[in-house]
């Protein structure tokens, strides 16, 4: 599944266009490699997403083409959620 679609379906990022912009800005890595919006995501991959002053590390648990809001959080598990201090 494409990275931008996964981020939208899992509701990590609200809109697919926003997910594409974030990926194109270089703020997402998959297993340590910088990712583009078109990068493939597989079960077991580790994603690191930078949201402003936060770094969120998640592990892909499930891939679904579409999902209900209540089930979206089951597509990933949060490994780390840390703040970045920029000086």
PDB file of N, CA and C in Angstrom:
ATOM      1  N   UNK A   1       0.851  -1.175   0.000  1.00  0.00           N
ATOM      2  CA  UNK A   1       0.000   0.000   0.000  1.00  0.00           C
ATOM      3  C   UNK A   1       0.899   1.241   0.000  1.00  0.00           C
ATOM      4  N   UNK A   2       0.486   2.261  -0.702  1.00  0.00           N
ATOM      5  CA  UNK A   2       1.240   3.515  -0.754  1.00  0.00           C
ATOM      6  C   UNK A   2       1.273   4.172   0.623  1.00  0.00           C
ATOM      7  N   UNK A   3       2.368   4.844   0.906  1.00  0.00           N
ATOM      8  CA  UNK A   3       2.543   5.509   2.193  1.00  0.00           C
ATOM      9  C   UNK A   3       1.458   6.546   2.458  1.00  0.00           C
ATOM     10  N   UNK A   4       1.172   7.411   1.477  1.00  0.00           N
ATOM     11  CA  UNK A   4       0.181   8.461   1.709  1.00  0.00           C
ATOM     12  C   UNK A   4      -1.205   7.870   1.979  1.00  0.00           C
ATOM     13  N   UNK A   5      -1.546   6.791   1.295  1.00  0.00           N
ATOM     14  CA  UNK A   5      -2.848   6.146   1.532  1.00  0.00           C
ATOM     15  C   UNK A   5      -2.890   5.509   2.920  1.00  0.00           C
ATOM     16  N   UNK A   6      -1.796   4.853   3.328  1.00  0.00           N
ATOM     17  CA  UNK A   6      -1.758   4.245   4.661  1.00  0.00           C
ATOM     18  C   UNK A   6      -1.956   5.303   5.746  1.00  0.00           C
ATOM     19  N   UNK A   7      -1.260   6.434   5.615  1.00  0.00           N
ATOM     20  CA  UNK A   7      -1.374   7.489   6.623  1.00  0.00           C
ATOM     21  C   UNK A   7      -2.794   8.026   6.724  1.00  0.00           C
ATOM     22  N   UNK A   8      -3.483   8.116   5.591  1.00  0.00           N
ATOM     23  CA  UNK A   8      -4.864   8.601   5.610  1.00  0.00           C
ATOM     24  C   UNK A   8      -5.815   7.557   6.177  1.00  0.00           C
ATOM     25  N   UNK A   9      -5.732   6.314   5.692  1.00  0.00           N
ATOM     26  CA  UNK A   9      -6.650   5.264   6.136  1.00  0.00           C
ATOM     27  C   UNK A   9      -6.471   4.972   7.622  1.00  0.00           C
ATOM     28  N   UNK A  10      -5.220   5.002   8.097  1.00  0.00           N
ATOM     29  CA  UNK A  10      -4.967   4.734   9.512  1.00  0.00           C
ATOM     30  C   UNK A  10      -5.262   5.950  10.381  1.00  0.00           C
ATOM     31  N   UNK A  11      -5.539   7.081   9.740  1.00  0.00           N
ATOM     32  CA  UNK A  11      -5.866   8.330  10.402  1.00  0.00           C
ATOM     33  C   UNK A  11      -4.716   8.910  11.230  1.00  0.00           C
ATOM     34  N   UNK A  12      -3.483   8.567  10.850  1.00  0.00           N
ATOM     35  CA  UNK A  12      -2.325   9.246  11.437  1.00  0.00           C
ATOM     36  C   UNK A  12      -2.286  10.685  10.924  1.00  0.00           C
ATOM     37  N   UNK A  13      -2.662  10.856   9.643  1.00  0.00           N
ATOM     38  CA  UNK A  13      -2.792  12.182   9.031  1.00  0.00           C
ATOM     39  C   UNK A  13      -4.173  12.228   8.387  1.00  0.00           C
ATOM     40  N   UNK A  14      -4.873  13.358   8.564  1.00  0.00           N
ATOM     41  CA  UNK A  14      -6.282  13.423   8.188  1.00  0.00           C
ATOM     42  C   UNK A  14      -6.570  13.288   6.698  1.00  0.00           C
ATOM     43  N   UNK A  15      -5.774  13.980   5.878  1.00  0.00           N
ATOM     44  CA  UNK A  15      -6.065  13.981   4.444  1.00  0.00           C
ATOM     45  C   UNK A  15      -4.882  13.431   3.657  1.00  0.00           C
ATOM     46  N   UNK A  16      -5.183  12.788   2.553  1.00  0.00           N
ATOM     47  CA  UNK A  16      -4.131  12.178   1.731  1.00  0.00           C
ATOM     48  C   UNK A  16      -3.226  13.232   1.111  1.00  0.00           C
ATOM     49  N   UNK A  17      -3.790  14.363   0.721  1.00  0.00           N
ATOM     50  CA  UNK A  17      -2.957  15.424   0.142  1.00  0.00           C
ATOM     51  C   UNK A  17      -1.970  15.953   1.177  1.00  0.00           C
ATOM     52  N   UNK A  18      -2.411  16.067   2.417  1.00  0.00           N
ATOM     53  CA  UNK A  18      -1.517  16.509   3.487  1.00  0.00           C
ATOM     54  C   UNK A  18      -0.443  15.455   3.755  1.00  0.00           C
ATOM     55  N   UNK A  19      -0.813  14.172   3.714  1.00  0.00           N
ATOM     56  CA  UNK A  19       0.148  13.084   3.892  1.00  0.00           C
ATOM     57  C   UNK A  19       1.204  13.135   2.792  1.00  0.00           C
ATOM     58  N   UNK A  20       0.781  13.432   1.561  1.00  0.00           N
ATOM     59  CA  UNK A  20       1.717  13.528   0.439  1.00  0.00           C
ATOM     60  C   UNK A  20       2.685  14.687   0.649  1.00  0.00           C
ATOM     61  N   UNK A  21       2.175  15.826   1.101  1.00  0.00           N
ATOM     62  CA  UNK A  21       3.034  16.986   1.345  1.00  0.00           C
ATOM     63  C   UNK A  21       4.069  16.694   2.428  1.00  0.00           C
ATOM     64  N   UNK A  22       3.635  16.068   3.521  1.00  0.00           N
ATOM     65  CA  UNK A  22       4.544  15.744   4.622  1.00  0.00           C
ATOM     66  C   UNK A  22       5.646  14.802   4.136  1.00  0.00           C
ATOM     67  N   UNK A  23       5.277  13.794   3.349  1.00  0.00           N
ATOM     68  CA  UNK A  23       6.262  12.852   2.825  1.00  0.00           C
ATOM     69  C   UNK A  23       7.224  13.555   1.868  1.00  0.00           C
ATOM     70  N   UNK A  24       6.712  14.420   1.020  1.00  0.00           N
ATOM     71  CA  UNK A  24       7.562  15.115   0.044  1.00  0.00           C
ATOM     72  C   UNK A  24       8.518  16.099   0.717  1.00  0.00           C
ATOM     73  N   UNK A  25       8.187  16.549   1.938  1.00  0.00           N
ATOM     74  CA  UNK A  25       9.065  17.446   2.687  1.00  0.00           C
ATOM     75  C   UNK A  25      10.171  16.681   3.406  1.00  0.00           C
ATOM     76  N   UNK A  26      10.147  15.342   3.306  1.00  0.00           N
ATOM     77  CA  UNK A  26      11.192  14.540   3.927  1.00  0.00           C
ATOM     78  C   UNK A  26      11.002  14.337   5.416  1.00  0.00           C
ATOM     79  N   UNK A  27       9.772  14.409   5.899  1.00  0.00           N
ATOM     80  CA  UNK A  27       9.507  14.291   7.332  1.00  0.00           C
ATOM     81  C   UNK A  27       9.079  12.887   7.747  1.00  0.00           C
ATOM     82  N   UNK A  28       9.187  11.906   6.830  1.00  0.00           N
ATOM     83  CA  UNK A  28       8.793  10.535   7.138  1.00  0.00           C
ATOM     84  C   UNK A  28       9.911   9.591   6.707  1.00  0.00           C
ATOM     85  N   UNK A  29      10.219   8.613   7.566  1.00  0.00           N
ATOM     86  CA  UNK A  29      11.156   7.565   7.193  1.00  0.00           C
ATOM     87  C   UNK A  29      10.494   6.209   7.394  1.00  0.00           C
ATOM     88  N   UNK A  30      10.844   5.259   6.539  1.00  0.00           N
ATOM     89  CA  UNK A  30      10.388   3.875   6.658  1.00  0.00           C
ATOM     90  C   UNK A  30      11.629   3.029   6.898  1.00  0.00           C
ATOM     91  N   UNK A  31      11.678   2.374   8.048  1.00  0.00           N
ATOM     92  CA  UNK A  31      12.827   1.536   8.419  1.00  0.00           C
ATOM     93  C   UNK A  31      14.157   2.284   8.242  1.00  0.00           C
ATOM     94  N   UNK A  32      14.176   3.556   8.615  1.00  0.00           N
ATOM     95  CA  UNK A  32      15.403   4.344   8.556  1.00  0.00           C
ATOM     96  C   UNK A  32      15.699   4.996   7.222  1.00  0.00           C
ATOM     97  N   UNK A  33      14.923   4.698   6.194  1.00  0.00           N
ATOM     98  CA  UNK A  33      15.139   5.278   4.859  1.00  0.00           C
ATOM     99  C   UNK A  33      14.102   6.379   4.613  1.00  0.00           C
ATOM    100  N   UNK A  34      14.554   7.507   4.095  1.00  0.00           N
ATOM    101  CA  UNK A  34      13.623   8.589   3.780  1.00  0.00           C
ATOM    102  C   UNK A  34      12.587   8.097   2.768  1.00  0.00           C
ATOM    103  N   UNK A  35      11.329   8.460   2.995  1.00  0.00           N
ATOM    104  CA  UNK A  35      10.244   7.914   2.177  1.00  0.00           C
ATOM    105  C   UNK A  35       9.556   9.001   1.365  1.00  0.00           C
ATOM    106  N   UNK A  36       9.080   8.605   0.198  1.00  0.00           N
ATOM    107  CA  UNK A  36       8.232   9.459  -0.635  1.00  0.00           C
ATOM    108  C   UNK A  36       6.788   9.014  -0.447  1.00  0.00           C
ATOM    109  N   UNK A  37       5.848   9.812  -0.923  1.00  0.00           N
ATOM    110  CA  UNK A  37       4.424   9.479  -0.796  1.00  0.00           C
ATOM    111  C   UNK A  37       4.092   8.176  -1.502  1.00  0.00           C
ATOM    112  N   UNK A  38       4.835   7.854  -2.551  1.00  0.00           N
ATOM    113  CA  UNK A  38       4.542   6.652  -3.330  1.00  0.00           C
ATOM    114  C   UNK A  38       5.259   5.404  -2.805  1.00  0.00           C
ATOM    115  N   UNK A  39       6.032   5.556  -1.727  1.00  0.00           N
ATOM    116  CA  UNK A  39       6.753   4.408  -1.163  1.00  0.00           C
ATOM    117  C   UNK A  39       5.769   3.343  -0.688  1.00  0.00           C
ATOM    118  N   UNK A  40       6.178   2.076  -0.820  1.00  0.00           N
ATOM    119  CA  UNK A  40       5.325   0.977  -0.374  1.00  0.00           C
ATOM    120  C   UNK A  40       5.506   0.730   1.108  1.00  0.00           C
ATOM    121  N   UNK A  41       4.383   0.491   1.791  1.00  0.00           N
ATOM    122  CA  UNK A  41       4.380   0.165   3.213  1.00  0.00           C
ATOM    123  C   UNK A  41       3.944  -1.282   3.350  1.00  0.00           C
ATOM    124  N   UNK A  42       4.692  -2.055   4.168  1.00  0.00           N
ATOM    125  CA  UNK A  42       4.355  -3.459   4.404  1.00  0.00           C
ATOM    126  C   UNK A  42       4.133  -3.669   5.899  1.00  0.00           C
ATOM    127  N   UNK A  43       3.452  -4.748   6.242  1.00  0.00           N
ATOM    128  CA  UNK A  43       3.253  -5.088   7.651  1.00  0.00           C
ATOM    129  C   UNK A  43       4.622  -5.340   8.274  1.00  0.00           C
ATOM    130  N   UNK A  44       4.837  -4.760   9.447  1.00  0.00           N
ATOM    131  CA  UNK A  44       6.118  -4.897  10.139  1.00  0.00           C
ATOM    132  C   UNK A  44       7.043  -3.712   9.931  1.00  0.00           C
ATOM    133  N   UNK A  45       6.742  -2.839   8.974  1.00  0.00           N
ATOM    134  CA  UNK A  45       7.575  -1.655   8.743  1.00  0.00           C
ATOM    135  C   UNK A  45       7.478  -0.705   9.929  1.00  0.00           C
ATOM    136  N   UNK A  46       8.563   0.017  10.165  1.00  0.00           N
ATOM    137  CA  UNK A  46       8.597   1.015  11.224  1.00  0.00           C
ATOM    138  C   UNK A  46       8.638   2.400  10.585  1.00  0.00           C
ATOM    139  N   UNK A  47       7.647   3.219  10.888  1.00  0.00           N
ATOM    140  CA  UNK A  47       7.564   4.567  10.335  1.00  0.00           C
ATOM    141  C   UNK A  47       7.912   5.582  11.413  1.00  0.00           C
ATOM    142  N   UNK A  48       8.702   6.588  11.052  1.00  0.00           N
ATOM    143  CA  UNK A  48       8.966   7.713  11.940  1.00  0.00           C
ATOM    144  C   UNK A  48       8.424   8.949  11.239  1.00  0.00           C
ATOM    145  N   UNK A  49       7.466   9.610  11.879  1.00  0.00           N
ATOM    146  CA  UNK A  49       6.817  10.782  11.297  1.00  0.00           C
ATOM    147  C   UNK A  49       7.092  11.981  12.193  1.00  0.00           C
ATOM    148  N   UNK A  50       7.538  13.087  11.598  1.00  0.00           N
ATOM    149  CA  UNK A  50       7.783  14.311  12.361  1.00  0.00           C
ATOM    150  C   UNK A  50       6.593  15.250  12.196  1.00  0.00           C
ATOM    151  N   UNK A  51       5.916  15.491  13.325  1.00  0.00           N
ATOM    152  CA  UNK A  51       4.793  16.439  13.383  1.00  0.00           C
ATOM    153  C   UNK A  51       5.282  17.644  14.164  1.00  0.00           C
ATOM    154  N   UNK A  52       5.717  18.693  13.499  1.00  0.00           N
ATOM    155  CA  UNK A  52       6.176  19.890  14.203  1.00  0.00           C
ATOM    156  C   UNK A  52       7.299  19.563  15.176  1.00  0.00           C
ATOM    157  N   UNK A  53       7.024  19.673  16.483  1.00  0.00           N
ATOM    158  CA  UNK A  53       8.022  19.427  17.518  1.00  0.00           C
ATOM    159  C   UNK A  53       7.958  18.010  18.079  1.00  0.00           C
ATOM    160  N   UNK A  54       7.242  17.101  17.407  1.00  0.00           N
ATOM    161  CA  UNK A  54       7.098  15.726  17.884  1.00  0.00           C
ATOM    162  C   UNK A  54       7.612  14.733  16.861  1.00  0.00           C
ATOM    163  N   UNK A  55       8.209  13.655  17.359  1.00  0.00           N
ATOM    164  CA  UNK A  55       8.608  12.522  16.529  1.00  0.00           C
ATOM    165  C   UNK A  55       7.779  11.332  16.984  1.00  0.00           C
ATOM    166  N   UNK A  56       6.987  10.784  16.089  1.00  0.00           N
ATOM    167  CA  UNK A  56       6.148   9.639  16.418  1.00  0.00           C
ATOM    168  C   UNK A  56       6.666   8.435  15.638  1.00  0.00           C
ATOM    169  N   UNK A  57       6.984   7.364  16.364  1.00  0.00           N
ATOM    170  CA  UNK A  57       7.456   6.127  15.752  1.00  0.00           C
ATOM    171  C   UNK A  57       6.351   5.085  15.884  1.00  0.00           C
ATOM    172  N   UNK A  58       5.903   4.540  14.747  1.00  0.00           N
ATOM    173  CA  UNK A  58       4.837   3.542  14.758  1.00  0.00           C
ATOM    174  C   UNK A  58       5.275   2.308  13.975  1.00  0.00           C
ATOM    175  N   UNK A  59       4.690   1.179  14.329  1.00  0.00           N
ATOM    176  CA  UNK A  59       4.934  -0.073  13.608  1.00  0.00           C
ATOM    177  C   UNK A  59       3.649  -0.446  12.894  1.00  0.00           C
ATOM    178  N   UNK A  60       3.746  -0.781  11.612  1.00  0.00           N
ATOM    179  CA  UNK A  60       2.577  -1.149  10.810  1.00  0.00           C
ATOM    180  C   UNK A  60       2.133  -2.548  11.230  1.00  0.00           C
ATOM    181  N   UNK A  61       0.885  -2.665  11.688  1.00  0.00           N
ATOM    182  CA  UNK A  61       0.347  -3.941  12.158  1.00  0.00           C
ATOM    183  C   UNK A  61      -0.616  -4.578  11.158  1.00  0.00           C
ATOM    184  N   UNK A  62      -1.274  -3.750  10.351  1.00  0.00           N
ATOM    185  CA  UNK A  62      -2.340  -4.243   9.495  1.00  0.00           C
ATOM    186  C   UNK A  62      -2.489  -3.304   8.304  1.00  0.00           C
ATOM    187  N   UNK A  63      -2.833  -3.848   7.142  1.00  0.00           N
ATOM    188  CA  UNK A  63      -3.090  -3.026   5.957  1.00  0.00           C
ATOM    189  C   UNK A  63      -4.510  -3.289   5.477  1.00  0.00           C
ATOM    190  N   UNK A  64      -5.295  -2.232   5.361  1.00  0.00           N
ATOM    191  CA  UNK A  64      -6.661  -2.339   4.853  1.00  0.00           C
ATOM    192  C   UNK A  64      -6.897  -1.193   3.887  1.00  0.00           C
ATOM    193  N   UNK A  65      -7.678  -1.456   2.837  1.00  0.00           N
ATOM    194  CA  UNK A  65      -7.962  -0.414   1.849  1.00  0.00           C
ATOM    195  C   UNK A  65      -8.812   0.708   2.443  1.00  0.00           C
ATOM    196  N   UNK A  66      -9.738   0.354   3.300  1.00  0.00           N
ATOM    197  CA  UNK A  66     -10.529   1.352   4.019  1.00  0.00           C
ATOM    198  C   UNK A  66     -10.946   0.746   5.351  1.00  0.00           C
ATOM    199  N   UNK A  67     -11.204   1.606   6.313  1.00  0.00           N
ATOM    200  CA  UNK A  67     -11.513   1.133   7.647  1.00  0.00           C
ATOM    201  C   UNK A  67     -12.412   2.127   8.360  1.00  0.00           C
ATOM    202  N   UNK A  68     -13.094   1.634   9.379  1.00  0.00           N
ATOM    203  CA  UNK A  68     -13.929   2.523  10.185  1.00  0.00           C
ATOM    204  C   UNK A  68     -13.051   3.262  11.182  1.00  0.00           C
ATOM    205  N   UNK A  69     -13.542   4.396  11.635  1.00  0.00           N
ATOM    206  CA  UNK A  69     -12.791   5.236  12.556  1.00  0.00           C
ATOM    207  C   UNK A  69     -12.352   4.454  13.799  1.00  0.00           C
ATOM    208  N   UNK A  70     -13.233   3.621  14.315  1.00  0.00           N
ATOM    209  CA  UNK A  70     -12.944   2.874  15.542  1.00  0.00           C
ATOM    210  C   UNK A  70     -11.828   1.842  15.323  1.00  0.00           C
ATOM    211  N   UNK A  71     -11.693   1.326  14.104  1.00  0.00           N
ATOM    212  CA  UNK A  71     -10.719   0.279  13.812  1.00  0.00           C
ATOM    213  C   UNK A  71      -9.389   0.825  13.287  1.00  0.00           C
ATOM    214  N   UNK A  72      -9.326   2.123  13.000  1.00  0.00           N
ATOM    215  CA  UNK A  72      -8.141   2.703  12.367  1.00  0.00           C
ATOM    216  C   UNK A  72      -6.900   2.571  13.236  1.00  0.00           C
ATOM    217  N   UNK A  73      -7.035   2.728  14.543  1.00  0.00           N
ATOM    218  CA  UNK A  73      -5.872   2.661  15.436  1.00  0.00           C
ATOM    219  C   UNK A  73      -5.273   1.257  15.472  1.00  0.00           C
ATOM    220  N   UNK A  74      -6.026   0.239  15.068  1.00  0.00           N
ATOM    221  CA  UNK A  74      -5.517  -1.123  15.037  1.00  0.00           C
ATOM    222  C   UNK A  74      -4.574  -1.395  13.879  1.00  0.00           C
ATOM    223  N   UNK A  75      -4.439  -0.429  12.967  1.00  0.00           N
ATOM    224  CA  UNK A  75      -3.549  -0.602  11.818  1.00  0.00           C
ATOM    225  C   UNK A  75      -2.091  -0.370  12.190  1.00  0.00           C
ATOM    226  N   UNK A  76      -1.841   0.231  13.358  1.00  0.00           N
ATOM    227  CA  UNK A  76      -0.471   0.522  13.781  1.00  0.00           C
ATOM    228  C   UNK A  76      -0.381   0.498  15.303  1.00  0.00           C
ATOM    229  N   UNK A  77       0.829   0.361  15.805  1.00  0.00           N
ATOM    230  CA  UNK A  77       1.047   0.506  17.239  1.00  0.00           C
ATOM    231  C   UNK A  77       2.134   1.555  17.438  1.00  0.00           C
ATOM    232  N   UNK A  78       1.921   2.430  18.405  1.00  0.00           N
ATOM    233  CA  UNK A  78       2.875   3.506  18.672  1.00  0.00           C
ATOM    234  C   UNK A  78       4.016   2.947  19.506  1.00  0.00           C
ATOM    235  N   UNK A  79       5.224   3.061  18.988  1.00  0.00           N
ATOM    236  CA  UNK A  79       6.412   2.593  19.711  1.00  0.00           C
ATOM    237  C   UNK A  79       7.009   3.711  20.561  1.00  0.00           C
ATOM    238  N   UNK A  80       7.066   4.930  19.989  1.00  0.00           N
ATOM    239  CA  UNK A  80       7.614   6.084  20.701  1.00  0.00           C
ATOM    240  C   UNK A  80       6.855   7.326  20.283  1.00  0.00           C
ATOM    241  N   UNK A  81       6.719   8.254  21.236  1.00  0.00           N
ATOM    242  CA  UNK A  81       6.143   9.569  20.960  1.00  0.00           C
ATOM    243  C   UNK A  81       6.967  10.565  21.762  1.00  0.00           C
ATOM    244  N   UNK A  82       7.904  11.248  21.096  1.00  0.00           N
ATOM    245  CA  UNK A  82       8.821  12.116  21.821  1.00  0.00           C
ATOM    246  C   UNK A  82       8.814  13.531  21.275  1.00  0.00           C
ATOM    247  N   UNK A  83       9.133  14.466  22.171  1.00  0.00           N
ATOM    248  CA  UNK A  83       9.248  15.872  21.788  1.00  0.00           C
ATOM    249  C   UNK A  83      10.666  16.169  21.345  1.00  0.00           C
ATOM    250  N   UNK A  84      10.774  17.080  20.387  1.00  0.00           N
ATOM    251  CA  UNK A  84      12.084  17.526  19.900  1.00  0.00           C
ATOM    252  C   UNK A  84      12.310  18.911  20.452  1.00  0.00           C
ATOM    253  N   UNK A  85      13.437  19.101  21.095  1.00  0.00           N
ATOM    254  CA  UNK A  85      13.789  20.437  21.595  1.00  0.00           C
ATOM    255  C   UNK A  85      14.732  21.084  20.605  1.00  0.00           C
ATOM    256  N   UNK A  86      14.256  22.125  19.945  1.00  0.00           N
ATOM    257  CA  UNK A  86      15.109  22.840  18.998  1.00  0.00           C
ATOM    258  C   UNK A  86      15.646  24.083  19.687  1.00  0.00           C
ATOM    259  N   UNK A  87      16.955  24.218  19.681  1.00  0.00           N
ATOM    260  CA  UNK A  87      17.589  25.328  20.398  1.00  0.00           C
ATOM    261  C   UNK A  87      18.156  26.342  19.467  1.00  0.00           C
TER     262      UNK A  87
END
